[in-house]
Amino acid sequence: MANQQLIDALRAADAVRFGEFELSHGGTSEYYVDKYLFETDPACLEAVAEAFAQRVGPDDKLAGVALGAVPLAAATSVAAEVPYVIARKQRKEYGTGNLIEGRLEEGEEVIVLEDIVTTGTSLVDAIEALREAGATVDRTLVVVDREEGGRENVEAADVEMEALVTASELLDAADR
């Protein structure tokens, strides 16, 4: 899927908004990409899942960062016919107390999926949790790279990050 098609799907889902927004890391931005709008819109979710599925192989395993990337991992898992696990941000206080939900074997290679990367902190935390659980993580796929240092932080963790769309591309498309 071409970048423009994905940008069109994000915009059709009304997921790209302009104004003044506070971001999770405490900074502010003149635009906001609402992951819950694009992840709950069937057409946009399908477009993202298909784009991710084109980038994974039949022997790959996926991991979705909780909460935002879980729908992406589930939809991509179905589209690519590969299994996935969920990487929690913190250990739950009840039940099994797992940080990783689903079946994960020691040494298994996992591609981590994420919705939006700003600083990359959540993604790096998930990578570390997966590695602590025995996974090998060399690659991540993200929907939107806000180009605010996230890629550098992920790559500092020795992981390749591929974004379907960058903030520059999204903002460029908005100017048209």
C-alpha atoms as a PDB file:
ATOM      1  CA  MET A   1       0.000   0.000   0.000  1.00  0.00           C
ATOM      2  CA  ALA A   2       1.329   3.395  -0.949  1.00  0.00           C
ATOM      3  CA  ASN A   3       1.895   6.017   1.737  1.00  0.00           C
ATOM      4  CA  GLN A   4      -0.710   8.299   0.193  1.00  0.00           C
ATOM      5  CA  GLN A   5      -3.377   5.588   0.458  1.00  0.00           C
ATOM      6  CA  LEU A   6      -2.602   5.130   4.143  1.00  0.00           C
ATOM      7  CA  ILE A   7      -2.568   8.888   4.721  1.00  0.00           C
ATOM      8  CA  ASP A   8      -5.947   9.072   2.976  1.00  0.00           C
ATOM      9  CA  ALA A   9      -7.284   6.298   5.236  1.00  0.00           C
ATOM     10  CA  LEU A  10      -6.043   8.102   8.371  1.00  0.00           C
ATOM     11  CA  ARG A  11      -7.637  11.337   7.217  1.00  0.00           C
ATOM     12  CA  ALA A  12     -10.903   9.606   6.235  1.00  0.00           C
ATOM     13  CA  ALA A  13     -11.057   8.202   9.781  1.00  0.00           C
ATOM     14  CA  ASP A  14     -10.683  11.827  11.006  1.00  0.00           C
ATOM     15  CA  ALA A  15      -7.623  10.675  12.951  1.00  0.00           C
ATOM     16  CA  VAL A  16      -5.415  13.649  12.052  1.00  0.00           C
ATOM     17  CA  ARG A  17      -6.451  16.787  13.898  1.00  0.00           C
ATOM     18  CA  PHE A  18      -5.051  20.283  14.083  1.00  0.00           C
ATOM     19  CA  GLY A  19      -5.060  22.686  17.033  1.00  0.00           C
ATOM     20  CA  GLU A  20      -3.098  22.689  20.291  1.00  0.00           C
ATOM     21  CA  PHE A  21      -2.688  19.304  21.961  1.00  0.00           C
ATOM     22  CA  GLU A  22      -0.826  18.036  25.004  1.00  0.00           C
ATOM     23  CA  LEU A  23       1.094  14.841  24.306  1.00  0.00           C
ATOM     24  CA  SER A  24       1.680  11.903  26.649  1.00  0.00           C
ATOM     25  CA  HIS A  25       5.314  12.883  27.244  1.00  0.00           C
ATOM     26  CA  GLY A  26       4.184  16.318  28.458  1.00  0.00           C
ATOM     27  CA  GLY A  27       5.016  18.372  25.381  1.00  0.00           C
ATOM     28  CA  THR A  28       2.530  20.127  23.131  1.00  0.00           C
ATOM     29  CA  SER A  29       1.862  19.853  19.424  1.00  0.00           C
ATOM     30  CA  GLU A  30      -0.081  21.687  16.722  1.00  0.00           C
ATOM     31  CA  TYR A  31      -1.389  18.366  15.409  1.00  0.00           C
ATOM     32  CA  TYR A  32      -2.590  15.136  16.911  1.00  0.00           C
ATOM     33  CA  VAL A  33      -2.975  11.661  15.467  1.00  0.00           C
ATOM     34  CA  ASP A  34      -5.835   9.984  17.329  1.00  0.00           C
ATOM     35  CA  LYS A  35      -4.951   6.309  17.421  1.00  0.00           C
ATOM     36  CA  TYR A  36      -8.317   5.370  18.849  1.00  0.00           C
ATOM     37  CA  LEU A  37     -10.100   6.867  15.862  1.00  0.00           C
ATOM     38  CA  PHE A  38      -7.961   5.063  13.299  1.00  0.00           C
ATOM     39  CA  GLU A  39      -7.850   1.787  15.231  1.00  0.00           C
ATOM     40  CA  THR A  40     -11.632   1.641  15.674  1.00  0.00           C
ATOM     41  CA  ASP A  41     -12.420   2.556  12.068  1.00  0.00           C
ATOM     42  CA  PRO A  42     -12.725  -0.749  10.156  1.00  0.00           C
ATOM     43  CA  ALA A  43     -11.455   0.599   6.829  1.00  0.00           C
ATOM     44  CA  CYS A  44      -8.446   2.317   8.372  1.00  0.00           C
ATOM     45  CA  LEU A  45      -7.633  -0.637  10.648  1.00  0.00           C
ATOM     46  CA  GLU A  46      -7.785  -2.932   7.638  1.00  0.00           C
ATOM     47  CA  ALA A  47      -5.482  -0.618   5.642  1.00  0.00           C
ATOM     48  CA  VAL A  48      -2.928  -0.571   8.477  1.00  0.00           C
ATOM     49  CA  ALA A  49      -3.144  -4.342   8.987  1.00  0.00           C
ATOM     50  CA  GLU A  50      -2.640  -4.998   5.280  1.00  0.00           C
ATOM     51  CA  ALA A  51       0.349  -2.627   5.162  1.00  0.00           C
ATOM     52  CA  PHE A  52       1.908  -4.356   8.178  1.00  0.00           C
ATOM     53  CA  ALA A  53       1.072  -7.832   6.800  1.00  0.00           C
ATOM     54  CA  GLN A  54       3.003  -7.022   3.607  1.00  0.00           C
ATOM     55  CA  ARG A  55       6.079  -6.477   5.787  1.00  0.00           C
ATOM     56  CA  VAL A  56       6.006  -9.735   7.770  1.00  0.00           C
ATOM     57  CA  GLY A  57       6.825 -13.277   6.746  1.00  0.00           C
ATOM     58  CA  PRO A  58       4.988 -16.539   7.379  1.00  0.00           C
ATOM     59  CA  ASP A  59       7.381 -17.517  10.185  1.00  0.00           C
ATOM     60  CA  ASP A  60       7.267 -14.186  12.016  1.00  0.00           C
ATOM     61  CA  LYS A  61       5.599 -13.578  15.344  1.00  0.00           C
ATOM     62  CA  LEU A  62       4.121 -10.219  16.257  1.00  0.00           C
ATOM     63  CA  ALA A  63       3.869  -8.327  19.521  1.00  0.00           C
ATOM     64  CA  GLY A  64       1.455  -5.498  20.163  1.00  0.00           C
ATOM     65  CA  VAL A  65       2.276  -2.862  22.762  1.00  0.00           C
ATOM     66  CA  ALA A  66      -0.663  -2.575  25.179  1.00  0.00           C
ATOM     67  CA  LEU A  67      -3.104  -0.922  24.834  1.00  0.00           C
ATOM     68  CA  GLY A  68      -2.925   0.969  21.564  1.00  0.00           C
ATOM     69  CA  ALA A  69      -1.178  -1.576  19.371  1.00  0.00           C
ATOM     70  CA  VAL A  70      -3.232  -4.596  20.440  1.00  0.00           C
ATOM     71  CA  PRO A  71      -5.926  -4.031  17.763  1.00  0.00           C
ATOM     72  CA  LEU A  72      -3.138  -3.539  15.211  1.00  0.00           C
ATOM     73  CA  ALA A  73      -1.463  -6.796  16.243  1.00  0.00           C
ATOM     74  CA  ALA A  74      -4.755  -8.702  16.217  1.00  0.00           C
ATOM     75  CA  ALA A  75      -5.795  -7.414  12.789  1.00  0.00           C
ATOM     76  CA  THR A  76      -2.308  -7.961  11.346  1.00  0.00           C
ATOM     77  CA  SER A  77      -2.184 -11.440  12.848  1.00  0.00           C
ATOM     78  CA  VAL A  78      -5.354 -12.336  10.955  1.00  0.00           C
ATOM     79  CA  ALA A  79      -4.233 -10.634   7.723  1.00  0.00           C
ATOM     80  CA  ALA A  80      -0.774 -12.256   7.755  1.00  0.00           C
ATOM     81  CA  GLU A  81      -1.872 -15.525   9.389  1.00  0.00           C
ATOM     82  CA  VAL A  82       0.835 -15.289  12.056  1.00  0.00           C
ATOM     83  CA  PRO A  83       0.503 -15.406  15.849  1.00  0.00           C
ATOM     84  CA  TYR A  84       0.992 -12.499  18.232  1.00  0.00           C
ATOM     85  CA  VAL A  85       1.580 -11.691  21.870  1.00  0.00           C
ATOM     86  CA  ILE A  86       0.742  -8.623  23.918  1.00  0.00           C
ATOM     87  CA  ALA A  87       3.484  -6.675  25.700  1.00  0.00           C
ATOM     88  CA  ARG A  88       2.134  -4.900  28.778  1.00  0.00           C
ATOM     89  CA  LYS A  89       3.622  -1.648  30.038  1.00  0.00           C
ATOM     90  CA  GLN A  90       3.566  -2.924  33.596  1.00  0.00           C
ATOM     91  CA  ARG A  91       2.972  -6.231  35.307  1.00  0.00           C
ATOM     92  CA  LYS A  92      -0.636  -6.707  36.281  1.00  0.00           C
ATOM     93  CA  GLU A  93      -1.353  -7.144  39.984  1.00  0.00           C
ATOM     94  CA  TYR A  94      -3.780 -10.061  39.585  1.00  0.00           C
ATOM     95  CA  GLY A  95      -4.175 -13.339  37.718  1.00  0.00           C
ATOM     96  CA  THR A  96      -0.915 -14.539  36.198  1.00  0.00           C
ATOM     97  CA  GLY A  97       0.906 -11.239  36.706  1.00  0.00           C
ATOM     98  CA  ASN A  98       2.442 -11.545  33.239  1.00  0.00           C
ATOM     99  CA  LEU A  99       4.163  -8.745  31.360  1.00  0.00           C
ATOM    100  CA  ILE A 100       3.790 -10.729  28.130  1.00  0.00           C
ATOM    101  CA  GLU A 101       0.402 -12.257  27.304  1.00  0.00           C
ATOM    102  CA  GLY A 102       0.159 -15.145  24.871  1.00  0.00           C
ATOM    103  CA  ARG A 103       2.584 -17.905  23.896  1.00  0.00           C
ATOM    104  CA  LEU A 104       6.220 -16.901  23.628  1.00  0.00           C
ATOM    105  CA  GLU A 105       9.076 -19.375  23.363  1.00  0.00           C
ATOM    106  CA  GLU A 106      12.631 -18.667  24.522  1.00  0.00           C
ATOM    107  CA  GLY A 107      14.664 -17.238  21.623  1.00  0.00           C
ATOM    108  CA  GLU A 108      11.642 -16.623  19.409  1.00  0.00           C
ATOM    109  CA  GLU A 109      12.000 -13.699  17.001  1.00  0.00           C
ATOM    110  CA  VAL A 110       9.295 -11.072  17.437  1.00  0.00           C
ATOM    111  CA  ILE A 111       8.376  -7.990  15.392  1.00  0.00           C
ATOM    112  CA  VAL A 112       6.925  -5.331  17.673  1.00  0.00           C
ATOM    113  CA  LEU A 113       3.999  -3.281  16.365  1.00  0.00           C
ATOM    114  CA  GLU A 114       3.204   0.196  17.668  1.00  0.00           C
ATOM    115  CA  ASP A 115       0.678   2.839  16.722  1.00  0.00           C
ATOM    116  CA  ILE A 116       2.410   6.199  17.138  1.00  0.00           C
ATOM    117  CA  VAL A 117       6.014   6.855  18.150  1.00  0.00           C
ATOM    118  CA  THR A 118       6.997  10.192  19.634  1.00  0.00           C
ATOM    119  CA  THR A 119       9.898   9.679  22.043  1.00  0.00           C
ATOM    120  CA  GLY A 120       9.844   5.891  21.689  1.00  0.00           C
ATOM    121  CA  THR A 121       9.786   5.279  25.452  1.00  0.00           C
ATOM    122  CA  SER A 122       6.768   2.929  25.437  1.00  0.00           C
ATOM    123  CA  LEU A 123       8.171   1.013  22.491  1.00  0.00           C
ATOM    124  CA  VAL A 124      11.604   0.621  24.087  1.00  0.00           C
ATOM    125  CA  ASP A 125       9.957  -0.516  27.357  1.00  0.00           C
ATOM    126  CA  ALA A 126       8.018  -3.170  25.415  1.00  0.00           C
ATOM    127  CA  ILE A 127      11.175  -4.281  23.603  1.00  0.00           C
ATOM    128  CA  GLU A 128      12.972  -4.676  26.934  1.00  0.00           C
ATOM    129  CA  ALA A 129      10.036  -6.618  28.449  1.00  0.00           C
ATOM    130  CA  LEU A 130       9.987  -8.955  25.458  1.00  0.00           C
ATOM    131  CA  ARG A 131      13.740  -9.480  25.644  1.00  0.00           C
ATOM    132  CA  GLU A 132      13.523 -10.174  29.379  1.00  0.00           C
ATOM    133  CA  ALA A 133      10.879 -12.796  28.571  1.00  0.00           C
ATOM    134  CA  GLY A 134      13.350 -14.481  26.191  1.00  0.00           C
ATOM    135  CA  ALA A 135      12.309 -13.009  22.831  1.00  0.00           C
ATOM    136  CA  THR A 136      14.702 -11.791  20.181  1.00  0.00           C
ATOM    137  CA  VAL A 137      13.628  -8.338  18.980  1.00  0.00           C
ATOM    138  CA  ASP A 138      15.429  -6.753  16.027  1.00  0.00           C
ATOM    139  CA  ARG A 139      12.581  -4.981  14.249  1.00  0.00           C
ATOM    140  CA  THR A 140       9.535  -2.806  14.873  1.00  0.00           C
ATOM    141  CA  LEU A 141       6.751  -1.595  12.614  1.00  0.00           C
ATOM    142  CA  VAL A 142       4.894   1.581  13.533  1.00  0.00           C
ATOM    143  CA  VAL A 143       1.989   3.380  11.920  1.00  0.00           C
ATOM    144  CA  VAL A 144       3.173   6.971  12.484  1.00  0.00           C
ATOM    145  CA  ASP A 145       6.627   8.250  13.398  1.00  0.00           C
ATOM    146  CA  ARG A 146       6.176  11.771  14.806  1.00  0.00           C
ATOM    147  CA  GLU A 147       9.908  12.322  14.138  1.00  0.00           C
ATOM    148  CA  GLU A 148      10.573  13.604  17.649  1.00  0.00           C
ATOM    149  CA  GLY A 149      13.463  11.356  18.658  1.00  0.00           C
ATOM    150  CA  GLY A 150      11.615   8.051  18.855  1.00  0.00           C
ATOM    151  CA  ARG A 151      13.462   6.424  15.978  1.00  0.00           C
ATOM    152  CA  GLU A 152      16.825   7.328  17.519  1.00  0.00           C
ATOM    153  CA  ASN A 153      15.781   5.903  20.916  1.00  0.00           C
ATOM    154  CA  VAL A 154      14.497   2.675  19.353  1.00  0.00           C
ATOM    155  CA  GLU A 155      17.635   2.298  17.233  1.00  0.00           C
ATOM    156  CA  ALA A 156      19.757   2.922  20.356  1.00  0.00           C
ATOM    157  CA  ALA A 157      18.109  -0.249  21.703  1.00  0.00           C
ATOM    158  CA  ASP A 158      19.588  -2.020  18.650  1.00  0.00           C
ATOM    159  CA  VAL A 159      16.237  -2.363  16.890  1.00  0.00           C
ATOM    160  CA  GLU A 160      15.290  -1.312  13.349  1.00  0.00           C
ATOM    161  CA  MET A 161      12.158   0.851  13.168  1.00  0.00           C
ATOM    162  CA  GLU A 162      10.056   1.073  10.023  1.00  0.00           C
ATOM    163  CA  ALA A 163       7.220   3.606   9.937  1.00  0.00           C
ATOM    164  CA  LEU A 164       4.336   3.350   7.493  1.00  0.00           C
ATOM    165  CA  VAL A 165       3.987   7.145   7.594  1.00  0.00           C
ATOM    166  CA  THR A 166       6.058   9.976   9.059  1.00  0.00           C
ATOM    167  CA  ALA A 167       4.770  13.205  10.546  1.00  0.00           C
ATOM    168  CA  SER A 168       6.374  15.096   7.654  1.00  0.00           C
ATOM    169  CA  GLU A 169       4.385  13.051   5.140  1.00  0.00           C
ATOM    170  CA  LEU A 170       1.147  13.534   7.104  1.00  0.00           C
ATOM    171  CA  LEU A 171       1.653  17.284   7.432  1.00  0.00           C
ATOM    172  CA  ASP A 172       2.734  17.574   3.795  1.00  0.00           C
ATOM    173  CA  ALA A 173      -0.492  15.845   2.744  1.00  0.00           C
ATOM    174  CA  ALA A 174      -2.509  18.265   4.910  1.00  0.00           C
ATOM    175  CA  ASP A 175      -1.055  21.207   2.998  1.00  0.00           C
ATOM    176  CA  ARG A 176      -2.326  19.894  -0.340  1.00  0.00           C
END
